[in-house]
């Protein structure tokens, strides 16, 4: 219990460090309890950025749990795999890989129309698709940053938005204040 509380920052570590074995056992026990008879799904976004101690604890737990836990993760191709302990714990026979490529222009158009509630002119849509590389989140953030008034601008001119997704997301997050910002910090 102490190992999980320290790992989740609910308790100070103090002078007694958390034993990695204790943490692994605690994670396994927690997953068993959460899974119960219906099972549990553990989702890890960007596995390559998972820190080694978290990957080791999760890997330890997964090696000892054969039923009741499904693990789903995303990992960027070509990135060094920081969560290799997780993949190694499952073994290649228990891993199904699904490669997700860029979305088509039509799919991006549908997402933008649904999310923005307005049509995007085809020349702007094509430029957003090209700039985003078919990444739906990036295309949506670019379109939001572009705004309705700029969507009708001269299609031969560069898009008046930042070139990096991080800049777009940072600008959106900076707009949050008060309780919403505190909740975002807590969740992150």
N, C-alpha and C. Protein backbone atom coordinates (compact mmCIF):
# COMPACT_ATOMS: atom_id res chain seq x y z
N UNK A 1 0.84 -1.20 0.00
CA UNK A 1 0.00 0.00 0.00
C UNK A 1 0.88 1.25 0.00
N UNK A 2 1.89 1.26 0.85
CA UNK A 2 2.77 2.43 0.92
C UNK A 2 3.45 2.65 -0.42
N UNK A 3 3.87 1.58 -1.08
CA UNK A 3 4.56 1.71 -2.37
C UNK A 3 3.66 2.40 -3.39
N UNK A 4 2.38 2.02 -3.44
CA UNK A 4 1.45 2.66 -4.37
C UNK A 4 1.19 4.11 -3.98
N UNK A 5 1.03 4.37 -2.69
CA UNK A 5 0.76 5.73 -2.24
C UNK A 5 1.93 6.65 -2.54
N UNK A 6 3.15 6.18 -2.39
CA UNK A 6 4.32 6.99 -2.72
C UNK A 6 4.40 7.18 -4.23
N UNK A 7 4.18 6.11 -4.99
CA UNK A 7 4.25 6.20 -6.45
C UNK A 7 3.19 7.15 -7.00
N UNK A 8 2.02 7.20 -6.37
CA UNK A 8 0.95 8.09 -6.81
C UNK A 8 1.02 9.47 -6.16
N UNK A 9 2.12 9.72 -5.44
CA UNK A 9 2.36 11.00 -4.77
C UNK A 9 1.29 11.33 -3.74
N UNK A 10 0.70 10.30 -3.14
CA UNK A 10 -0.28 10.52 -2.09
C UNK A 10 0.40 10.56 -0.72
N UNK A 11 1.64 10.09 -0.67
CA UNK A 11 2.42 10.06 0.55
C UNK A 11 3.87 10.40 0.21
N UNK A 12 4.54 11.06 1.13
CA UNK A 12 5.95 11.39 0.93
C UNK A 12 6.79 10.13 1.08
N UNK A 13 7.83 10.02 0.29
CA UNK A 13 8.71 8.85 0.36
C UNK A 13 9.50 8.85 1.66
N UNK A 14 9.85 10.05 2.13
CA UNK A 14 10.63 10.14 3.36
C UNK A 14 12.01 9.54 3.19
N UNK A 15 12.56 9.05 4.28
CA UNK A 15 13.91 8.50 4.23
C UNK A 15 13.94 7.05 3.76
N UNK A 16 12.78 6.40 3.73
CA UNK A 16 12.71 5.00 3.29
C UNK A 16 12.28 4.95 1.82
N UNK A 17 13.19 4.62 0.92
CA UNK A 17 12.81 4.55 -0.49
C UNK A 17 11.86 3.38 -0.73
N UNK A 18 11.10 3.48 -1.81
CA UNK A 18 10.17 2.40 -2.16
C UNK A 18 10.93 1.31 -2.89
N UNK A 19 10.77 0.10 -2.41
CA UNK A 19 11.41 -1.06 -3.04
C UNK A 19 10.69 -1.35 -4.36
N UNK A 20 11.43 -1.46 -5.48
CA UNK A 20 10.79 -1.73 -6.78
C UNK A 20 9.96 -3.02 -6.78
N UNK A 21 10.41 -4.03 -6.05
CA UNK A 21 9.64 -5.27 -5.96
C UNK A 21 8.30 -5.04 -5.27
N UNK A 22 8.32 -4.25 -4.20
CA UNK A 22 7.07 -3.94 -3.49
C UNK A 22 6.11 -3.19 -4.40
N UNK A 23 6.66 -2.26 -5.18
CA UNK A 23 5.81 -1.50 -6.09
C UNK A 23 5.20 -2.42 -7.15
N UNK A 24 6.00 -3.32 -7.70
CA UNK A 24 5.49 -4.26 -8.69
C UNK A 24 4.39 -5.14 -8.14
N UNK A 25 4.57 -5.62 -6.92
CA UNK A 25 3.55 -6.45 -6.27
C UNK A 25 2.28 -5.62 -6.02
N UNK A 26 2.47 -4.38 -5.61
CA UNK A 26 1.32 -3.50 -5.36
C UNK A 26 0.54 -3.23 -6.65
N UNK A 27 1.24 -3.01 -7.74
CA UNK A 27 0.58 -2.77 -9.03
C UNK A 27 -0.18 -4.03 -9.45
N UNK A 28 0.45 -5.19 -9.31
CA UNK A 28 -0.23 -6.45 -9.65
C UNK A 28 -1.49 -6.63 -8.81
N UNK A 29 -1.38 -6.39 -7.51
CA UNK A 29 -2.54 -6.54 -6.63
C UNK A 29 -3.65 -5.57 -7.00
N UNK A 30 -3.28 -4.34 -7.30
CA UNK A 30 -4.27 -3.34 -7.69
C UNK A 30 -4.98 -3.75 -8.98
N UNK A 31 -4.22 -4.24 -9.95
CA UNK A 31 -4.83 -4.66 -11.21
C UNK A 31 -5.74 -5.88 -11.01
N UNK A 32 -5.34 -6.78 -10.15
CA UNK A 32 -6.20 -7.94 -9.84
C UNK A 32 -7.52 -7.48 -9.23
N UNK A 33 -7.44 -6.56 -8.27
CA UNK A 33 -8.65 -6.05 -7.63
C UNK A 33 -9.52 -5.27 -8.60
N UNK A 34 -8.90 -4.44 -9.42
CA UNK A 34 -9.66 -3.66 -10.39
C UNK A 34 -10.29 -4.55 -11.46
N UNK A 35 -9.57 -5.58 -11.86
CA UNK A 35 -10.05 -6.47 -12.90
C UNK A 35 -11.23 -7.31 -12.48
N UNK A 36 -11.17 -7.81 -11.25
CA UNK A 36 -12.27 -8.64 -10.75
C UNK A 36 -12.69 -9.68 -11.75
N UNK A 37 -13.99 -9.91 -11.87
CA UNK A 37 -14.48 -10.90 -12.82
C UNK A 37 -14.69 -10.32 -14.22
N UNK A 38 -14.78 -8.98 -14.33
CA UNK A 38 -15.04 -8.36 -15.63
C UNK A 38 -13.78 -7.96 -16.37
N UNK A 39 -12.66 -7.88 -15.69
CA UNK A 39 -11.41 -7.48 -16.33
C UNK A 39 -11.21 -5.97 -16.28
N UNK A 40 -10.04 -5.55 -16.69
CA UNK A 40 -9.69 -4.14 -16.68
C UNK A 40 -8.80 -3.86 -17.89
N UNK A 41 -8.89 -2.65 -18.40
CA UNK A 41 -8.05 -2.23 -19.52
C UNK A 41 -7.07 -1.19 -19.00
N UNK A 42 -5.80 -1.42 -19.25
CA UNK A 42 -4.75 -0.45 -18.91
C UNK A 42 -4.34 0.21 -20.22
N UNK A 43 -4.49 1.52 -20.30
CA UNK A 43 -4.15 2.25 -21.52
C UNK A 43 -2.94 3.15 -21.26
N UNK A 44 -1.95 3.07 -22.13
CA UNK A 44 -0.75 3.89 -22.02
C UNK A 44 -0.59 4.64 -23.34
N UNK A 45 -0.68 5.95 -23.27
CA UNK A 45 -0.49 6.77 -24.46
C UNK A 45 0.99 7.11 -24.58
N UNK A 46 1.56 6.95 -25.75
CA UNK A 46 2.98 7.21 -26.01
C UNK A 46 3.88 6.39 -25.10
N UNK A 47 3.82 5.09 -25.29
CA UNK A 47 4.60 4.15 -24.46
C UNK A 47 6.08 4.48 -24.43
N UNK A 48 6.59 5.05 -25.52
CA UNK A 48 8.03 5.34 -25.58
C UNK A 48 8.45 6.37 -24.53
N UNK A 49 7.49 7.11 -23.98
CA UNK A 49 7.83 8.12 -22.97
C UNK A 49 7.57 7.65 -21.55
N UNK A 50 7.13 6.41 -21.38
CA UNK A 50 6.90 5.88 -20.05
C UNK A 50 8.23 5.75 -19.32
N UNK A 51 8.30 6.28 -18.11
CA UNK A 51 9.57 6.22 -17.37
C UNK A 51 9.89 4.78 -17.00
N UNK A 52 11.16 4.51 -16.79
CA UNK A 52 11.62 3.13 -16.59
C UNK A 52 11.06 2.48 -15.33
N UNK A 53 10.90 3.25 -14.25
CA UNK A 53 10.38 2.63 -13.03
C UNK A 53 8.91 2.26 -13.18
N UNK A 54 8.13 3.09 -13.85
CA UNK A 54 6.71 2.76 -14.10
C UNK A 54 6.61 1.57 -15.03
N UNK A 55 7.44 1.55 -16.08
CA UNK A 55 7.43 0.43 -17.03
C UNK A 55 7.83 -0.87 -16.32
N UNK A 56 8.82 -0.79 -15.44
CA UNK A 56 9.26 -1.98 -14.72
C UNK A 56 8.16 -2.50 -13.79
N UNK A 57 7.48 -1.60 -13.08
CA UNK A 57 6.41 -2.02 -12.17
C UNK A 57 5.24 -2.63 -12.94
N UNK A 58 4.87 -2.00 -14.06
CA UNK A 58 3.78 -2.53 -14.87
C UNK A 58 4.19 -3.86 -15.51
N UNK A 59 5.43 -3.92 -15.99
CA UNK A 59 5.94 -5.16 -16.57
C UNK A 59 5.93 -6.30 -15.57
N UNK A 60 6.36 -6.03 -14.34
CA UNK A 60 6.36 -7.03 -13.27
C UNK A 60 4.94 -7.57 -13.08
N UNK A 61 3.98 -6.63 -13.00
CA UNK A 61 2.59 -7.03 -12.77
C UNK A 61 2.05 -7.86 -13.94
N UNK A 62 2.34 -7.43 -15.15
CA UNK A 62 1.80 -8.12 -16.33
C UNK A 62 2.38 -9.52 -16.50
N UNK A 63 3.63 -9.72 -16.12
CA UNK A 63 4.23 -11.06 -16.22
C UNK A 63 3.51 -12.05 -15.32
N UNK A 64 2.90 -11.55 -14.25
CA UNK A 64 2.26 -12.42 -13.27
C UNK A 64 0.75 -12.49 -13.41
N UNK A 65 0.20 -11.68 -14.30
CA UNK A 65 -1.25 -11.70 -14.56
C UNK A 65 -1.48 -12.24 -15.96
N UNK A 66 -2.18 -13.31 -16.08
CA UNK A 66 -2.44 -13.89 -17.41
C UNK A 66 -3.87 -13.63 -17.87
N UNK A 67 -4.75 -13.31 -16.96
CA UNK A 67 -6.15 -13.09 -17.31
C UNK A 67 -6.65 -11.83 -16.62
N UNK A 68 -7.68 -11.25 -17.19
CA UNK A 68 -8.36 -10.14 -16.56
C UNK A 68 -7.77 -8.76 -16.84
N UNK A 69 -6.64 -8.70 -17.56
CA UNK A 69 -6.03 -7.40 -17.86
C UNK A 69 -5.72 -7.34 -19.36
N UNK A 70 -6.23 -6.29 -19.98
CA UNK A 70 -5.93 -6.02 -21.37
C UNK A 70 -5.12 -4.73 -21.40
N UNK A 71 -4.02 -4.73 -22.12
CA UNK A 71 -3.17 -3.54 -22.20
C UNK A 71 -3.25 -3.00 -23.62
N UNK A 72 -3.53 -1.71 -23.72
CA UNK A 72 -3.57 -1.03 -25.01
C UNK A 72 -2.60 0.13 -24.92
N UNK A 73 -1.71 0.24 -25.90
CA UNK A 73 -0.79 1.37 -25.87
C UNK A 73 -0.59 1.92 -27.26
N UNK A 74 -0.17 3.17 -27.28
CA UNK A 74 0.25 3.80 -28.53
C UNK A 74 1.75 4.03 -28.43
N UNK A 75 2.39 3.95 -29.58
CA UNK A 75 3.82 4.20 -29.64
C UNK A 75 4.13 4.75 -31.01
N UNK A 76 4.89 5.80 -31.04
CA UNK A 76 5.27 6.38 -32.32
C UNK A 76 6.32 5.50 -32.98
N UNK A 77 6.13 5.27 -34.26
CA UNK A 77 7.11 4.49 -35.01
C UNK A 77 8.42 5.24 -35.08
N UNK A 78 9.50 4.51 -34.96
CA UNK A 78 10.82 5.11 -35.05
C UNK A 78 11.32 5.71 -33.76
N UNK A 79 10.47 5.79 -32.75
CA UNK A 79 10.88 6.33 -31.45
C UNK A 79 11.47 5.20 -30.61
N UNK A 80 12.47 5.53 -29.80
CA UNK A 80 13.02 4.54 -28.89
C UNK A 80 11.93 4.16 -27.90
N UNK A 81 11.81 2.89 -27.61
CA UNK A 81 10.73 2.38 -26.79
C UNK A 81 11.08 2.44 -25.31
N UNK A 82 10.63 3.51 -24.62
CA UNK A 82 10.89 3.65 -23.20
C UNK A 82 10.12 2.65 -22.36
N UNK A 83 9.05 2.08 -22.88
CA UNK A 83 8.24 1.13 -22.13
C UNK A 83 8.51 -0.30 -22.53
N UNK A 84 9.74 -0.60 -22.91
CA UNK A 84 10.05 -1.94 -23.41
C UNK A 84 9.78 -3.03 -22.38
N UNK A 85 9.86 -2.70 -21.09
CA UNK A 85 9.58 -3.70 -20.05
C UNK A 85 8.13 -4.18 -20.14
N UNK A 86 7.25 -3.33 -20.60
CA UNK A 86 5.84 -3.71 -20.75
C UNK A 86 5.71 -4.70 -21.90
N UNK A 87 6.29 -4.37 -23.06
CA UNK A 87 6.21 -5.26 -24.22
C UNK A 87 6.91 -6.59 -23.94
N UNK A 88 8.04 -6.53 -23.27
CA UNK A 88 8.77 -7.76 -22.94
C UNK A 88 7.97 -8.65 -21.99
N UNK A 89 7.22 -8.02 -21.07
CA UNK A 89 6.43 -8.80 -20.11
C UNK A 89 5.32 -9.57 -20.81
N UNK A 90 4.78 -9.02 -21.86
CA UNK A 90 3.70 -9.69 -22.57
C UNK A 90 4.22 -10.73 -23.55
N UNK A 91 5.35 -10.46 -24.16
CA UNK A 91 5.90 -11.37 -25.16
C UNK A 91 5.21 -11.18 -26.50
N UNK A 92 5.90 -11.48 -27.58
CA UNK A 92 5.38 -11.23 -28.93
C UNK A 92 4.09 -11.99 -29.25
N UNK A 93 3.89 -13.15 -28.64
CA UNK A 93 2.69 -13.94 -28.93
C UNK A 93 1.42 -13.32 -28.36
N UNK A 94 1.56 -12.41 -27.41
CA UNK A 94 0.39 -11.76 -26.79
C UNK A 94 0.19 -10.33 -27.28
N UNK A 95 0.96 -9.92 -28.28
CA UNK A 95 0.87 -8.54 -28.77
C UNK A 95 0.31 -8.53 -30.18
N UNK A 96 -0.71 -7.71 -30.37
CA UNK A 96 -1.26 -7.50 -31.71
C UNK A 96 -0.95 -6.05 -32.09
N UNK A 97 -0.23 -5.87 -33.18
CA UNK A 97 0.15 -4.54 -33.62
C UNK A 97 -0.81 -4.04 -34.69
N UNK A 98 -1.23 -2.80 -34.53
CA UNK A 98 -2.09 -2.15 -35.52
C UNK A 98 -1.41 -0.84 -35.90
N UNK A 99 -1.02 -0.75 -37.13
CA UNK A 99 -0.36 0.46 -37.61
C UNK A 99 -1.44 1.45 -38.04
N UNK A 100 -1.40 2.64 -37.49
CA UNK A 100 -2.38 3.67 -37.81
C UNK A 100 -1.67 4.75 -38.62
N UNK A 101 -2.12 4.94 -39.82
CA UNK A 101 -1.51 5.93 -40.70
C UNK A 101 -2.30 7.24 -40.69
N UNK A 102 -1.91 8.15 -41.56
CA UNK A 102 -2.60 9.44 -41.62
C UNK A 102 -4.02 9.29 -42.17
N UNK A 103 -4.89 10.19 -41.75
CA UNK A 103 -6.26 10.19 -42.25
C UNK A 103 -6.31 10.83 -43.64
N UNK A 104 -7.32 10.46 -44.39
CA UNK A 104 -7.51 11.02 -45.73
C UNK A 104 -8.05 12.44 -45.63
N UNK A 105 -8.03 13.14 -46.75
CA UNK A 105 -8.59 14.49 -46.81
C UNK A 105 -10.06 14.46 -46.43
N UNK A 106 -10.79 13.45 -46.94
CA UNK A 106 -12.22 13.33 -46.64
C UNK A 106 -12.48 13.13 -45.16
N UNK A 107 -11.67 12.29 -44.51
CA UNK A 107 -11.85 12.04 -43.08
C UNK A 107 -11.54 13.31 -42.28
N UNK A 108 -10.49 14.01 -42.66
CA UNK A 108 -10.16 15.28 -41.98
C UNK A 108 -11.30 16.28 -42.17
N UNK A 109 -11.86 16.34 -43.38
CA UNK A 109 -12.97 17.25 -43.66
C UNK A 109 -14.15 16.95 -42.74
N UNK A 110 -14.47 15.70 -42.59
CA UNK A 110 -15.61 15.32 -41.74
C UNK A 110 -15.34 15.71 -40.28
N UNK A 111 -14.15 15.43 -39.78
CA UNK A 111 -13.81 15.78 -38.39
C UNK A 111 -13.90 17.28 -38.19
N UNK A 112 -13.32 18.05 -39.10
CA UNK A 112 -13.35 19.51 -38.97
C UNK A 112 -14.77 20.03 -39.03
N UNK A 113 -15.57 19.54 -39.95
CA UNK A 113 -16.97 19.99 -40.06
C UNK A 113 -17.75 19.66 -38.80
N UNK A 114 -17.58 18.42 -38.29
CA UNK A 114 -18.30 18.01 -37.09
C UNK A 114 -17.87 18.81 -35.87
N UNK A 115 -16.57 19.01 -35.69
CA UNK A 115 -16.06 19.66 -34.49
C UNK A 115 -16.20 21.17 -34.51
N UNK A 116 -16.04 21.76 -35.69
CA UNK A 116 -16.10 23.22 -35.78
C UNK A 116 -17.50 23.74 -36.07
N UNK A 117 -18.36 22.85 -36.57
CA UNK A 117 -19.73 23.26 -36.87
C UNK A 117 -19.83 24.19 -38.07
N UNK A 118 -18.85 24.16 -38.92
CA UNK A 118 -18.85 25.00 -40.12
C UNK A 118 -18.03 24.32 -41.19
N UNK A 119 -18.36 24.60 -42.44
CA UNK A 119 -17.56 24.00 -43.51
C UNK A 119 -16.20 24.69 -43.63
N UNK A 120 -15.23 23.96 -44.14
CA UNK A 120 -13.91 24.51 -44.39
C UNK A 120 -13.72 24.52 -45.91
N UNK A 121 -13.40 25.66 -46.48
CA UNK A 121 -13.21 25.71 -47.94
C UNK A 121 -12.16 24.69 -48.40
N UNK A 122 -12.40 24.08 -49.55
CA UNK A 122 -11.51 23.02 -50.04
C UNK A 122 -10.05 23.43 -50.10
N UNK A 123 -9.70 24.63 -50.61
CA UNK A 123 -8.27 24.99 -50.63
C UNK A 123 -7.66 25.02 -49.23
N UNK A 124 -8.42 25.53 -48.27
CA UNK A 124 -7.94 25.58 -46.88
C UNK A 124 -7.85 24.16 -46.32
N UNK A 125 -8.84 23.34 -46.61
CA UNK A 125 -8.84 21.95 -46.16
C UNK A 125 -7.60 21.22 -46.67
N UNK A 126 -7.28 21.38 -47.94
CA UNK A 126 -6.12 20.71 -48.51
C UNK A 126 -4.83 21.18 -47.84
N UNK A 127 -4.74 22.46 -47.54
CA UNK A 127 -3.55 22.99 -46.87
C UNK A 127 -3.46 22.50 -45.43
N UNK A 128 -4.61 22.42 -44.75
CA UNK A 128 -4.62 21.90 -43.37
C UNK A 128 -4.22 20.43 -43.36
N UNK A 129 -4.72 19.68 -44.33
CA UNK A 129 -4.36 18.26 -44.42
C UNK A 129 -2.86 18.10 -44.66
N UNK A 130 -2.33 18.89 -45.57
CA UNK A 130 -0.90 18.79 -45.87
C UNK A 130 -0.05 19.20 -44.66
N UNK A 131 -0.43 20.32 -44.02
CA UNK A 131 0.34 20.82 -42.87
C UNK A 131 0.29 19.85 -41.70
N UNK A 132 -0.86 19.19 -41.50
CA UNK A 132 -1.02 18.27 -40.37
C UNK A 132 -0.51 16.87 -40.67
N UNK A 133 -0.24 16.58 -41.92
CA UNK A 133 0.19 15.24 -42.28
C UNK A 133 -0.88 14.19 -42.06
N UNK A 134 -2.15 14.62 -42.03
CA UNK A 134 -3.26 13.69 -41.80
C UNK A 134 -3.52 13.38 -40.35
N UNK A 135 -2.82 14.09 -39.43
CA UNK A 135 -3.03 13.89 -37.99
C UNK A 135 -4.29 14.66 -37.60
N UNK A 136 -5.35 13.96 -37.13
CA UNK A 136 -6.61 14.64 -36.86
C UNK A 136 -6.54 15.70 -35.76
N UNK A 137 -5.80 15.43 -34.71
CA UNK A 137 -5.69 16.43 -33.63
C UNK A 137 -4.97 17.68 -34.13
N UNK A 138 -3.90 17.48 -34.86
CA UNK A 138 -3.13 18.61 -35.38
C UNK A 138 -3.98 19.41 -36.37
N UNK A 139 -4.71 18.73 -37.26
CA UNK A 139 -5.57 19.42 -38.22
C UNK A 139 -6.64 20.24 -37.51
N UNK A 140 -7.23 19.66 -36.48
CA UNK A 140 -8.27 20.37 -35.72
C UNK A 140 -7.70 21.58 -35.00
N UNK A 141 -6.53 21.41 -34.37
CA UNK A 141 -5.91 22.54 -33.68
C UNK A 141 -5.49 23.64 -34.66
N UNK A 142 -4.99 23.25 -35.82
CA UNK A 142 -4.63 24.23 -36.84
C UNK A 142 -5.86 25.00 -37.29
N UNK A 143 -6.96 24.27 -37.53
CA UNK A 143 -8.20 24.91 -37.98
C UNK A 143 -8.75 25.85 -36.91
N UNK A 144 -8.68 25.43 -35.66
CA UNK A 144 -9.15 26.30 -34.57
C UNK A 144 -8.29 27.57 -34.48
N UNK A 145 -6.99 27.39 -34.61
CA UNK A 145 -6.09 28.55 -34.55
C UNK A 145 -6.31 29.46 -35.75
N UNK A 146 -6.65 28.87 -36.87
CA UNK A 146 -6.90 29.64 -38.08
C UNK A 146 -8.15 30.50 -37.93
N UNK A 147 -9.19 29.95 -37.32
CA UNK A 147 -10.42 30.69 -37.09
C UNK A 147 -11.27 30.79 -38.34
N UNK A 148 -12.54 31.11 -38.15
CA UNK A 148 -13.49 31.19 -39.26
C UNK A 148 -13.14 32.29 -40.23
N UNK A 149 -12.69 33.45 -39.72
CA UNK A 149 -12.41 34.58 -40.61
C UNK A 149 -11.19 34.33 -41.49
N UNK A 150 -10.22 33.58 -40.99
CA UNK A 150 -9.01 33.30 -41.78
C UNK A 150 -9.17 32.11 -42.71
N UNK A 151 -10.23 31.31 -42.51
CA UNK A 151 -10.44 30.13 -43.35
C UNK A 151 -10.76 30.54 -44.79
N UNK A 152 -11.23 31.78 -44.98
CA UNK A 152 -11.60 32.24 -46.32
C UNK A 152 -10.49 33.06 -46.97
N UNK A 153 -9.35 33.13 -46.35
CA UNK A 153 -8.26 33.95 -46.86
C UNK A 153 -7.68 33.38 -48.14
N UNK A 154 -6.82 34.14 -48.76
CA UNK A 154 -6.17 33.76 -50.02
C UNK A 154 -5.42 32.44 -49.84
N UNK A 155 -5.80 31.40 -50.58
CA UNK A 155 -5.17 30.09 -50.40
C UNK A 155 -3.72 30.03 -50.85
N UNK A 156 -3.23 31.08 -51.52
CA UNK A 156 -1.82 31.06 -51.93
C UNK A 156 -0.90 31.58 -50.83
N UNK A 157 -1.49 32.18 -49.79
CA UNK A 157 -0.71 32.72 -48.69
C UNK A 157 -0.47 31.64 -47.63
N UNK A 158 0.65 31.72 -46.90
CA UNK A 158 0.91 30.73 -45.85
C UNK A 158 -0.16 30.76 -44.76
N UNK A 159 -0.36 29.62 -44.13
CA UNK A 159 -1.31 29.56 -43.02
C UNK A 159 -0.78 30.41 -41.87
N UNK A 160 -1.59 31.31 -41.31
CA UNK A 160 -1.11 32.17 -40.22
C UNK A 160 -1.22 31.51 -38.85
N UNK A 161 -0.64 30.33 -38.73
CA UNK A 161 -0.69 29.58 -37.47
C UNK A 161 0.68 29.02 -37.17
N UNK A 162 0.95 28.71 -35.90
CA UNK A 162 2.24 28.10 -35.56
C UNK A 162 2.44 26.78 -36.30
N UNK A 163 3.68 26.46 -36.57
CA UNK A 163 4.00 25.25 -37.31
C UNK A 163 4.10 24.00 -36.45
N UNK A 164 4.13 24.15 -35.13
CA UNK A 164 4.30 23.00 -34.25
C UNK A 164 3.02 22.76 -33.45
N UNK A 165 2.64 21.51 -33.32
CA UNK A 165 1.47 21.14 -32.55
C UNK A 165 1.60 21.59 -31.10
N UNK A 166 2.82 21.50 -30.54
CA UNK A 166 3.03 21.89 -29.15
C UNK A 166 2.67 23.36 -28.92
N UNK A 167 2.99 24.21 -29.89
CA UNK A 167 2.66 25.63 -29.76
C UNK A 167 1.15 25.83 -29.76
N UNK A 168 0.44 25.10 -30.62
CA UNK A 168 -1.01 25.22 -30.70
C UNK A 168 -1.68 24.75 -29.41
N UNK A 169 -1.23 23.61 -28.91
CA UNK A 169 -1.81 23.07 -27.68
C UNK A 169 -1.48 23.97 -26.50
N UNK A 170 -0.26 24.48 -26.45
CA UNK A 170 0.12 25.39 -25.36
C UNK A 170 -0.75 26.63 -25.36
N UNK A 171 -1.01 27.17 -26.53
CA UNK A 171 -1.87 28.36 -26.63
C UNK A 171 -3.27 28.06 -26.12
N UNK A 172 -3.80 26.88 -26.44
CA UNK A 172 -5.13 26.51 -25.95
C UNK A 172 -5.13 26.31 -24.45
N UNK A 173 -4.10 25.66 -23.92
CA UNK A 173 -4.04 25.41 -22.48
C UNK A 173 -3.85 26.70 -21.70
N UNK A 174 -3.10 27.65 -22.26
CA UNK A 174 -2.89 28.94 -21.60
C UNK A 174 -4.19 29.71 -21.43
N UNK A 175 -5.19 29.41 -22.26
CA UNK A 175 -6.47 30.11 -22.17
C UNK A 175 -7.29 29.67 -20.96
N UNK A 176 -6.97 28.50 -20.39
CA UNK A 176 -7.70 28.03 -19.22
C UNK A 176 -7.22 28.76 -17.98
N UNK A 177 -8.15 29.08 -17.09
CA UNK A 177 -7.80 29.77 -15.84
C UNK A 177 -8.56 29.12 -14.68
N UNK A 178 -8.19 29.51 -13.49
CA UNK A 178 -8.91 29.11 -12.29
C UNK A 178 -9.03 27.62 -12.09
N UNK A 179 -10.24 27.19 -11.78
CA UNK A 179 -10.52 25.80 -11.45
C UNK A 179 -10.21 24.86 -12.62
N UNK A 180 -10.53 25.30 -13.83
CA UNK A 180 -10.26 24.45 -15.00
C UNK A 180 -8.76 24.20 -15.14
N UNK A 181 -7.96 25.23 -14.93
CA UNK A 181 -6.51 25.08 -15.04
C UNK A 181 -5.98 24.16 -13.93
N UNK A 182 -6.48 24.31 -12.72
CA UNK A 182 -6.07 23.46 -11.60
C UNK A 182 -6.41 21.99 -11.89
N UNK A 183 -7.60 21.75 -12.46
CA UNK A 183 -8.00 20.39 -12.80
C UNK A 183 -7.08 19.80 -13.88
N UNK A 184 -6.73 20.60 -14.87
CA UNK A 184 -5.81 20.14 -15.92
C UNK A 184 -4.44 19.79 -15.35
N UNK A 185 -3.96 20.61 -14.44
CA UNK A 185 -2.66 20.34 -13.83
C UNK A 185 -2.73 19.05 -13.03
N UNK A 186 -3.80 18.85 -12.29
CA UNK A 186 -3.97 17.64 -11.49
C UNK A 186 -4.02 16.40 -12.40
N UNK A 187 -4.78 16.47 -13.47
CA UNK A 187 -4.91 15.34 -14.38
C UNK A 187 -3.58 15.03 -15.06
N UNK A 188 -2.84 16.07 -15.44
CA UNK A 188 -1.57 15.82 -16.13
C UNK A 188 -0.56 15.21 -15.17
